[in-house]
C-alpha atoms as a PDB file:
ATOM      1  CA  MET A   1     -35.992  41.197  40.628  1.00  0.00           C
ATOM      2  CA  LYS A   2     -32.467  41.342  39.195  1.00  0.00           C
ATOM      3  CA  THR A   3     -32.082  37.582  39.692  1.00  0.00           C
ATOM      4  CA  PHE A   4     -35.422  36.977  38.007  1.00  0.00           C
ATOM      5  CA  ILE A   5     -34.386  39.026  34.956  1.00  0.00           C
ATOM      6  CA  ILE A   6     -31.085  37.125  34.707  1.00  0.00           C
ATOM      7  CA  ILE A   7     -32.894  33.767  34.898  1.00  0.00           C
ATOM      8  CA  VAL A   8     -35.450  34.778  32.243  1.00  0.00           C
ATOM      9  CA  PHE A   9     -32.703  36.108  29.965  1.00  0.00           C
ATOM     10  CA  SER A  10     -30.703  32.878  30.410  1.00  0.00           C
ATOM     11  CA  ILE A  11     -33.698  30.679  29.568  1.00  0.00           C
ATOM     12  CA  PHE A  12     -34.513  32.836  26.532  1.00  0.00           C
ATOM     13  CA  SER A  13     -30.893  32.674  25.313  1.00  0.00           C
ATOM     14  CA  LEU A  14     -30.758  28.903  25.766  1.00  0.00           C
ATOM     15  CA  ALA A  15     -34.035  28.430  23.897  1.00  0.00           C
ATOM     16  CA  LEU A  16     -32.887  30.676  21.054  1.00  0.00           C
ATOM     17  CA  TYR A  17     -29.525  28.889  20.824  1.00  0.00           C
ATOM     18  CA  SER A  18     -31.058  25.400  20.773  1.00  0.00           C
ATOM     19  CA  GLN A  19     -33.539  26.424  18.040  1.00  0.00           C
ATOM     20  CA  ASN A  20     -30.560  26.969  15.739  1.00  0.00           C
ATOM     21  CA  GLU A  21     -29.526  23.304  15.891  1.00  0.00           C
ATOM     22  CA  LYS A  22     -30.436  21.199  12.833  1.00  0.00           C
ATOM     23  CA  PRO A  23     -29.586  17.548  13.629  1.00  0.00           C
ATOM     24  CA  LYS A  24     -31.440  16.048  10.640  1.00  0.00           C
ATOM     25  CA  ARG A  25     -31.832  16.882   6.989  1.00  0.00           C
ATOM     26  CA  SER A  26     -35.337  16.937   5.580  1.00  0.00           C
ATOM     27  CA  ALA A  27     -36.277  14.287   3.017  1.00  0.00           C
ATOM     28  CA  TYR A  28     -35.879  15.395  -0.602  1.00  0.00           C
ATOM     29  CA  ARG A  29     -35.287  14.142  -4.147  1.00  0.00           C
ATOM     30  CA  LEU A  30     -31.625  14.294  -5.232  1.00  0.00           C
ATOM     31  CA  GLU A  31     -30.945  14.448  -8.947  1.00  0.00           C
ATOM     32  CA  ILE A  32     -27.480  14.957 -10.447  1.00  0.00           C
ATOM     33  CA  ALA A  33     -25.718  14.263 -13.737  1.00  0.00           C
ATOM     34  CA  ALA A  34     -24.161  10.782 -13.539  1.00  0.00           C
ATOM     35  CA  ASN A  35     -22.215  11.075 -16.767  1.00  0.00           C
ATOM     36  CA  GLU A  36     -22.439  12.648 -20.218  1.00  0.00           C
ATOM     37  CA  THR A  37     -25.810  11.072 -21.043  1.00  0.00           C
ATOM     38  CA  GLN A  38     -27.400   9.782 -17.829  1.00  0.00           C
ATOM     39  CA  GLN A  39     -28.949  11.331 -14.749  1.00  0.00           C
ATOM     40  CA  TYR A  40     -28.774   9.827 -11.263  1.00  0.00           C
ATOM     41  CA  ALA A  41     -31.745  10.257  -8.928  1.00  0.00           C
ATOM     42  CA  MET A  42     -32.573   9.031  -5.447  1.00  0.00           C
ATOM     43  CA  ASP A  43     -34.869   9.863  -2.578  1.00  0.00           C
ATOM     44  CA  VAL A  44     -32.789  11.092   0.342  1.00  0.00           C
ATOM     45  CA  GLN A  45     -34.666  10.121   3.483  1.00  0.00           C
ATOM     46  CA  GLU A  46     -34.887  12.309   6.561  1.00  0.00           C
ATOM     47  CA  SER A  47     -31.610  11.442   8.235  1.00  0.00           C
ATOM     48  CA  PRO A  48     -29.010  12.807  10.637  1.00  0.00           C
ATOM     49  CA  TYR A  49     -26.114  14.758   9.166  1.00  0.00           C
ATOM     50  CA  PHE A  50     -23.785  13.048  11.619  1.00  0.00           C
ATOM     51  CA  VAL A  51     -24.052   9.275  11.119  1.00  0.00           C
ATOM     52  CA  LYS A  52     -21.801   8.806  14.168  1.00  0.00           C
ATOM     53  CA  GLU A  53     -20.045  11.216  16.461  1.00  0.00           C
ATOM     54  CA  LYS A  54     -17.929  13.554  14.283  1.00  0.00           C
ATOM     55  CA  ILE A  55     -18.657  11.520  11.114  1.00  0.00           C
ATOM     56  CA  LEU A  56     -20.552  13.790   8.721  1.00  0.00           C
ATOM     57  CA  GLN A  57     -22.415  12.663   5.595  1.00  0.00           C
ATOM     58  CA  ILE A  58     -23.204  15.332   3.023  1.00  0.00           C
ATOM     59  CA  TYR A  59     -25.065  14.903  -0.269  1.00  0.00           C
ATOM     60  CA  CYS A  60     -24.324  16.740  -3.493  1.00  0.00           C
ATOM     61  CA  GLY A  61     -26.219  20.027  -3.509  1.00  0.00           C
ATOM     62  CA  GLU A  62     -26.166  20.566   0.264  1.00  0.00           C
ATOM     63  CA  LYS A  63     -24.721  23.592   2.021  1.00  0.00           C
ATOM     64  CA  ILE A  64     -24.380  23.261   5.781  1.00  0.00           C
ATOM     65  CA  PHE A  65     -22.858  24.990   8.787  1.00  0.00           C
ATOM     66  CA  VAL A  66     -21.087  22.843  11.376  1.00  0.00           C
ATOM     67  CA  GLU A  67     -20.591  24.413  14.791  1.00  0.00           C
ATOM     68  CA  CYS A  68     -17.732  22.900  16.800  1.00  0.00           C
ATOM     69  CA  GLU A  69     -16.830  22.785  20.460  1.00  0.00           C
ATOM     70  CA  ILE A  70     -13.097  22.878  21.079  1.00  0.00           C
ATOM     71  CA  GLN A  71     -11.413  21.395  24.147  1.00  0.00           C
ATOM     72  CA  GLY A  72      -7.686  21.913  24.349  1.00  0.00           C
ATOM     73  CA  ASP A  73      -6.335  21.303  20.864  1.00  0.00           C
ATOM     74  CA  SER A  74      -9.111  19.086  19.544  1.00  0.00           C
ATOM     75  CA  ILE A  75     -12.666  19.212  18.297  1.00  0.00           C
ATOM     76  CA  SER A  76     -14.788  17.638  21.035  1.00  0.00           C
ATOM     77  CA  LYS A  77     -18.299  18.075  19.581  1.00  0.00           C
ATOM     78  CA  MET A  78     -19.822  18.950  16.218  1.00  0.00           C
ATOM     79  CA  LYS A  79     -23.385  19.825  15.237  1.00  0.00           C
ATOM     80  CA  VAL A  80     -25.127  21.203  12.177  1.00  0.00           C
ATOM     81  CA  VAL A  81     -26.839  24.558  12.695  1.00  0.00           C
ATOM     82  CA  GLU A  82     -29.345  26.563  10.637  1.00  0.00           C
ATOM     83  CA  LYS A  83     -27.300  29.765  10.600  1.00  0.00           C
ATOM     84  CA  ILE A  84     -23.915  30.991  11.736  1.00  0.00           C
ATOM     85  CA  ILE A  85     -24.228  32.552  15.187  1.00  0.00           C
ATOM     86  CA  ASN A  86     -20.652  31.808  16.298  1.00  0.00           C
ATOM     87  CA  PRO A  87     -18.463  32.398  13.214  1.00  0.00           C
ATOM     88  CA  GLU A  88     -15.227  31.724  15.135  1.00  0.00           C
ATOM     89  CA  LYS A  89     -16.222  28.079  15.614  1.00  0.00           C
ATOM     90  CA  THR A  90     -18.469  27.305  12.623  1.00  0.00           C
ATOM     91  CA  ILE A  91     -17.218  25.428   9.564  1.00  0.00           C
ATOM     92  CA  ALA A  92     -19.116  26.294   6.365  1.00  0.00           C
ATOM     93  CA  ILE A  93     -19.385  23.414   3.855  1.00  0.00           C
ATOM     94  CA  ASP A  94     -20.830  23.647   0.340  1.00  0.00           C
ATOM     95  CA  PHE A  95     -20.958  20.496  -1.850  1.00  0.00           C
ATOM     96  CA  THR A  96     -22.004  21.145  -5.467  1.00  0.00           C
ATOM     97  CA  GLN A  97     -21.910  19.763  -8.981  1.00  0.00           C
ATOM     98  CA  ASP A  98     -21.173  21.690 -12.171  1.00  0.00           C
ATOM     99  CA  SER A  99     -22.719  19.774 -15.075  1.00  0.00           C
ATOM    100  CA  GLU A 100     -23.426  22.629 -17.456  1.00  0.00           C
ATOM    101  CA  ASN A 101     -21.023  20.997 -19.902  1.00  0.00           C
ATOM    102  CA  ARG A 102     -21.965  17.307 -19.653  1.00  0.00           C
ATOM    103  CA  LYS A 103     -18.587  16.271 -21.118  1.00  0.00           C
ATOM    104  CA  ASP A 104     -16.766  17.958 -18.222  1.00  0.00           C
ATOM    105  CA  ILE A 105     -18.819  17.161 -15.109  1.00  0.00           C
ATOM    106  CA  ARG A 106     -17.169  18.457 -11.962  1.00  0.00           C
ATOM    107  CA  THR A 107     -18.032  18.001  -8.291  1.00  0.00           C
ATOM    108  CA  ASP A 108     -16.783  20.656  -5.852  1.00  0.00           C
ATOM    109  CA  LEU A 109     -16.397  20.758  -2.087  1.00  0.00           C
ATOM    110  CA  HIS A 110     -15.871  24.177  -0.549  1.00  0.00           C
ATOM    111  CA  VAL A 111     -14.898  24.225   3.147  1.00  0.00           C
ATOM    112  CA  LYS A 112     -14.200  27.334   5.238  1.00  0.00           C
ATOM    113  CA  ASN A 113     -11.883  26.930   8.240  1.00  0.00           C
ATOM    114  CA  PRO A 114     -12.865  29.422  10.988  1.00  0.00           C
ATOM    115  CA  PHE A 115     -10.082  28.375  13.363  1.00  0.00           C
ATOM    116  CA  ASN A 116      -6.685  29.966  13.966  1.00  0.00           C
ATOM    117  CA  LYS A 117      -5.139  26.520  13.418  1.00  0.00           C
ATOM    118  CA  LYS A 118      -4.921  24.186  10.443  1.00  0.00           C
ATOM    119  CA  LEU A 119      -8.052  22.051   9.881  1.00  0.00           C
ATOM    120  CA  THR A 120      -7.696  18.495   8.586  1.00  0.00           C
ATOM    121  CA  TYR A 121     -10.207  15.755   7.854  1.00  0.00           C
ATOM    122  CA  LYS A 122     -10.540  12.652   5.697  1.00  0.00           C
ATOM    123  CA  ALA A 123     -13.148  11.832   3.068  1.00  0.00           C
ATOM    124  CA  LEU A 124     -14.902   8.864   1.501  1.00  0.00           C
ATOM    125  CA  MET A 125     -16.880   9.305  -1.712  1.00  0.00           C
ATOM    126  CA  PHE A 126     -19.753   7.353  -3.240  1.00  0.00           C
ATOM    127  CA  THR A 127     -20.213   7.798  -6.999  1.00  0.00           C
ATOM    128  CA  PRO A 128     -22.982   6.770  -9.405  1.00  0.00           C
ATOM    129  CA  THR A 129     -20.551   4.741 -11.511  1.00  0.00           C
ATOM    130  CA  SER A 130     -18.746   2.662  -8.874  1.00  0.00           C
ATOM    131  CA  GLN A 131     -21.500   2.389  -6.219  1.00  0.00           C
ATOM    132  CA  GLN A 132     -18.736   1.715  -3.662  1.00  0.00           C
ATOM    133  CA  TRP A 133     -17.176   3.851  -0.943  1.00  0.00           C
ATOM    134  CA  LYS A 134     -13.691   5.024  -1.933  1.00  0.00           C
ATOM    135  CA  ARG A 135     -11.198   7.093   0.048  1.00  0.00           C
ATOM    136  CA  THR A 136     -10.233  10.368  -1.636  1.00  0.00           C
ATOM    137  CA  SER A 137      -7.457  12.815  -0.800  1.00  0.00           C
ATOM    138  CA  ILE A 138      -8.187  16.104   0.928  1.00  0.00           C
ATOM    139  CA  ILE A 139      -5.811  19.047   1.313  1.00  0.00           C
ATOM    140  CA  PRO A 140      -5.488  20.497   4.861  1.00  0.00           C
ATOM    141  CA  ILE A 141      -7.023  23.967   5.257  1.00  0.00           C
ATOM    142  CA  GLN A 142      -4.774  26.637   6.662  1.00  0.00           C
ATOM    143  CA  PRO A 143      -6.012  28.881   9.527  1.00  0.00           C
ATOM    144  CA  ASP A 144      -8.865  31.273   8.673  1.00  0.00           C
ATOM    145  CA  LEU A 145      -8.873  30.241   4.998  1.00  0.00           C
ATOM    146  CA  GLU A 146     -11.116  28.365   2.583  1.00  0.00           C
ATOM    147  CA  ASN A 147     -10.367  25.242   0.574  1.00  0.00           C
ATOM    148  CA  PHE A 148     -11.773  24.069  -2.752  1.00  0.00           C
ATOM    149  CA  GLU A 149     -11.609  20.367  -3.603  1.00  0.00           C
ATOM    150  CA  MET A 150     -12.589  19.413  -7.157  1.00  0.00           C
ATOM    151  CA  TRP A 151     -13.209  16.033  -8.749  1.00  0.00           C
ATOM    152  CA  PRO A 152     -13.637  15.562 -12.534  1.00  0.00           C
ATOM    153  CA  HIS A 153     -16.655  13.275 -12.112  1.00  0.00           C
ATOM    154  CA  SER A 154     -19.982  12.946 -10.375  1.00  0.00           C
ATOM    155  CA  ILE A 155     -20.200  12.223  -6.611  1.00  0.00           C
ATOM    156  CA  ILE A 156     -23.484  11.406  -4.884  1.00  0.00           C
ATOM    157  CA  THR A 157     -22.343  11.761  -1.288  1.00  0.00           C
ATOM    158  CA  LEU A 158     -19.253  12.271   0.854  1.00  0.00           C
ATOM    159  CA  VAL A 159     -18.482  11.086   4.360  1.00  0.00           C
ATOM    160  CA  LEU A 160     -16.129  13.459   6.180  1.00  0.00           C
ATOM    161  CA  ASP A 161     -14.413  12.162   9.303  1.00  0.00           C
ATOM    162  CA  ASN A 162     -11.254  12.285  11.417  1.00  0.00           C
ATOM    163  CA  TRP A 163     -11.622  16.059  11.961  1.00  0.00           C
ATOM    164  CA  LYS A 164      -8.591  17.678  13.625  1.00  0.00           C
ATOM    165  CA  ILE A 165      -7.179  21.100  14.302  1.00  0.00           C
ATOM    166  CA  GLU A 166      -3.397  21.300  14.429  1.00  0.00           C
END
Protein backbone atom coordinates (compact mmCIF):
# COMPACT_ATOMS: atom_id res chain seq x y z
CA MET A 1 0.00 0.00 0.00
CA LYS A 2 2.84 2.39 0.85
CA THR A 3 4.46 1.71 -2.54
CA PHE A 4 1.15 2.31 -4.28
CA ILE A 5 0.72 5.69 -2.56
CA ILE A 6 4.27 6.72 -3.52
CA ILE A 7 3.67 5.74 -7.16
CA VAL A 8 0.35 7.62 -7.32
CA PHE A 9 1.90 10.69 -5.70
CA SER A 10 4.83 10.57 -8.15
CA ILE A 11 2.53 10.33 -11.18
CA PHE A 12 0.37 13.18 -9.85
CA SER A 13 3.44 15.37 -9.23
CA LEU A 14 4.82 14.66 -12.70
CA ALA A 15 1.49 15.46 -14.34
CA LEU A 16 1.15 18.69 -12.36
CA TYR A 17 4.73 19.72 -13.20
CA SER A 18 4.36 19.04 -16.93
CA GLN A 19 1.09 21.02 -17.07
CA ASN A 20 3.09 24.12 -16.13
CA GLU A 21 5.18 23.96 -19.31
CA LYS A 22 4.22 26.45 -22.05
CA PRO A 23 6.31 25.62 -25.16
CA LYS A 24 4.31 27.82 -27.57
CA ARG A 25 2.78 31.26 -27.48
CA SER A 26 -0.81 31.61 -28.60
CA ALA A 27 -1.51 33.56 -31.78
CA TYR A 28 -2.39 37.22 -31.22
CA ARG A 29 -2.35 40.67 -32.83
CA LEU A 30 0.70 42.77 -31.88
CA GLU A 31 0.36 46.52 -32.16
CA ILE A 32 3.01 48.99 -31.00
CA ALA A 33 4.02 52.57 -31.72
CA ALA A 34 6.56 52.54 -34.58
CA ASN A 35 7.45 56.20 -34.31
CA GLU A 36 5.91 59.57 -33.44
CA THR A 37 3.08 59.25 -35.97
CA GLN A 38 2.81 55.62 -37.10
CA GLN A 39 1.69 52.37 -35.54
CA TYR A 40 3.17 48.97 -36.35
CA ALA A 41 0.89 45.92 -36.35
CA MET A 42 1.37 42.26 -37.17
CA ASP A 43 -0.27 38.93 -36.52
CA VAL A 44 2.00 36.85 -34.32
CA GLN A 45 1.35 33.23 -35.23
CA GLU A 46 1.25 30.41 -32.71
CA SER A 47 4.95 29.68 -32.38
CA PRO A 48 7.52 28.25 -29.99
CA TYR A 49 9.23 30.65 -27.61
CA PHE A 50 12.50 28.83 -28.20
CA VAL A 51 13.27 28.91 -31.94
CA LYS A 52 16.25 26.61 -31.28
CA GLU A 53 17.71 25.13 -28.15
CA LYS A 54 18.40 28.01 -25.72
CA ILE A 55 17.56 30.65 -28.36
CA LEU A 56 14.53 32.58 -27.11
CA GLN A 57 12.37 34.94 -29.19
CA ILE A 58 10.20 37.39 -27.29
CA TYR A 59 7.79 39.96 -28.73
CA CYS A 60 7.11 43.41 -27.32
CA GLY A 61 4.37 43.15 -24.71
CA GLU A 62 5.20 39.61 -23.56
CA LYS A 63 6.05 38.60 -20.02
CA ILE A 64 7.41 35.08 -19.62
CA PHE A 65 9.03 32.80 -17.08
CA VAL A 66 11.96 30.65 -18.22
CA GLU A 67 12.79 27.67 -16.04
CA CYS A 68 16.38 26.45 -16.38
CA GLU A 69 18.16 23.20 -15.65
CA ILE A 70 21.72 23.69 -14.46
CA GLN A 71 24.48 21.12 -14.91
CA GLY A 72 27.81 22.04 -13.39
CA ASP A 73 28.36 25.70 -14.18
CA SER A 74 26.15 25.98 -17.24
CA ILE A 75 22.53 26.16 -18.28
CA SER A 76 21.74 22.81 -19.89
CA LYS A 77 18.02 23.22 -20.66
CA MET A 78 15.51 26.07 -20.79
CA LYS A 79 11.72 26.06 -21.07
CA VAL A 80 8.94 28.59 -20.73
CA VAL A 81 6.48 27.89 -17.92
CA GLU A 82 3.05 29.30 -17.02
CA LYS A 83 3.95 30.19 -13.44
CA ILE A 84 6.98 30.18 -11.18
CA ILE A 85 7.08 26.93 -9.22
CA ASN A 86 10.87 26.83 -8.79
CA PRO A 87 11.94 30.45 -8.15
CA GLU A 88 15.60 29.49 -7.60
CA LYS A 89 15.91 28.44 -11.25
CA THR A 90 13.33 30.59 -13.08
CA ILE A 91 14.28 33.71 -15.03
CA ALA A 92 11.47 36.29 -15.24
CA ILE A 93 11.47 38.37 -18.46
CA ASP A 94 9.19 41.33 -19.20
CA PHE A 95 9.48 43.12 -22.58
CA THR A 96 7.42 46.32 -22.84
CA GLN A 97 7.05 49.59 -24.70
CA ASP A 98 6.35 53.01 -23.20
CA SER A 99 4.78 55.17 -25.91
CA GLU A 100 2.67 57.48 -23.77
CA ASN A 101 4.76 60.37 -25.08
CA ARG A 102 5.07 59.55 -28.79
CA LYS A 103 8.13 61.83 -29.11
CA ASP A 104 10.02 59.73 -26.55
CA ILE A 105 9.15 56.11 -27.35
CA ARG A 106 11.06 53.68 -25.16
CA THR A 107 11.32 49.89 -25.22
CA ASP A 108 12.28 48.15 -21.97
CA LEU A 109 13.54 44.67 -21.15
CA HIS A 110 13.37 43.64 -17.51
CA VAL A 111 15.18 40.40 -16.60
CA LYS A 112 15.40 38.86 -13.12
CA ASN A 113 18.40 36.63 -12.39
CA PRO A 114 17.43 33.93 -9.84
CA PHE A 115 20.90 32.38 -9.70
CA ASN A 116 23.70 32.91 -7.18
CA LYS A 117 26.02 33.59 -10.12
CA LYS A 118 26.19 36.29 -12.77
CA LEU A 119 23.81 35.75 -15.73
CA THR A 120 24.89 36.79 -19.22
CA TYR A 121 23.23 36.54 -22.61
CA LYS A 122 23.32 38.25 -26.00
CA ALA A 123 20.52 39.94 -27.91
CA LEU A 124 19.41 40.68 -31.45
CA MET A 125 16.66 43.22 -32.09
CA PHE A 126 14.22 43.69 -34.96
CA THR A 127 12.73 47.18 -35.28
CA PRO A 128 9.89 48.60 -37.39
CA THR A 129 12.21 51.14 -39.01
CA SER A 130 15.16 48.96 -40.07
CA GLN A 131 13.37 45.62 -40.63
CA GLN A 132 16.76 43.91 -40.11
CA TRP A 133 18.23 41.94 -37.22
CA LYS A 134 20.83 43.98 -35.34
CA ARG A 135 22.99 42.98 -32.38
CA THR A 136 22.47 45.14 -29.29
CA SER A 137 24.49 45.34 -26.08
CA ILE A 138 23.25 43.76 -22.87
CA ILE A 139 24.64 44.32 -19.38
CA PRO A 140 25.39 41.15 -17.34
CA ILE A 141 23.02 40.62 -14.39
CA GLN A 142 24.64 40.15 -11.02
CA PRO A 143 23.53 37.25 -8.75
CA ASP A 144 19.97 37.44 -7.39
CA LEU A 145 19.36 40.86 -8.97
CA GLU A 146 17.26 42.37 -11.75
CA ASN A 147 18.39 44.24 -14.84
CA PHE A 148 16.62 46.91 -16.88
CA GLU A 149 17.68 47.46 -20.49
CA MET A 150 16.18 50.49 -22.24
CA TRP A 151 16.24 51.55 -25.87
CA PRO A 152 15.04 55.00 -27.05
CA HIS A 153 13.06 53.54 -29.97
CA SER A 154 10.54 50.90 -30.88
CA ILE A 155 11.49 47.19 -31.01
CA ILE A 156 9.15 44.53 -32.39
CA THR A 157 10.99 41.45 -31.15
CA LEU A 158 14.22 40.34 -29.49
CA VAL A 159 16.16 37.11 -29.84
CA LEU A 160 18.06 36.25 -26.65
CA ASP A 161 20.81 33.65 -26.91
CA ASN A 162 24.21 32.55 -25.60
CA TRP A 163 22.86 32.24 -22.03
CA LYS A 164 25.58 31.66 -19.41
CA ILE A 165 26.01 31.70 -15.67
CA GLU A 166 29.46 32.68 -14.45
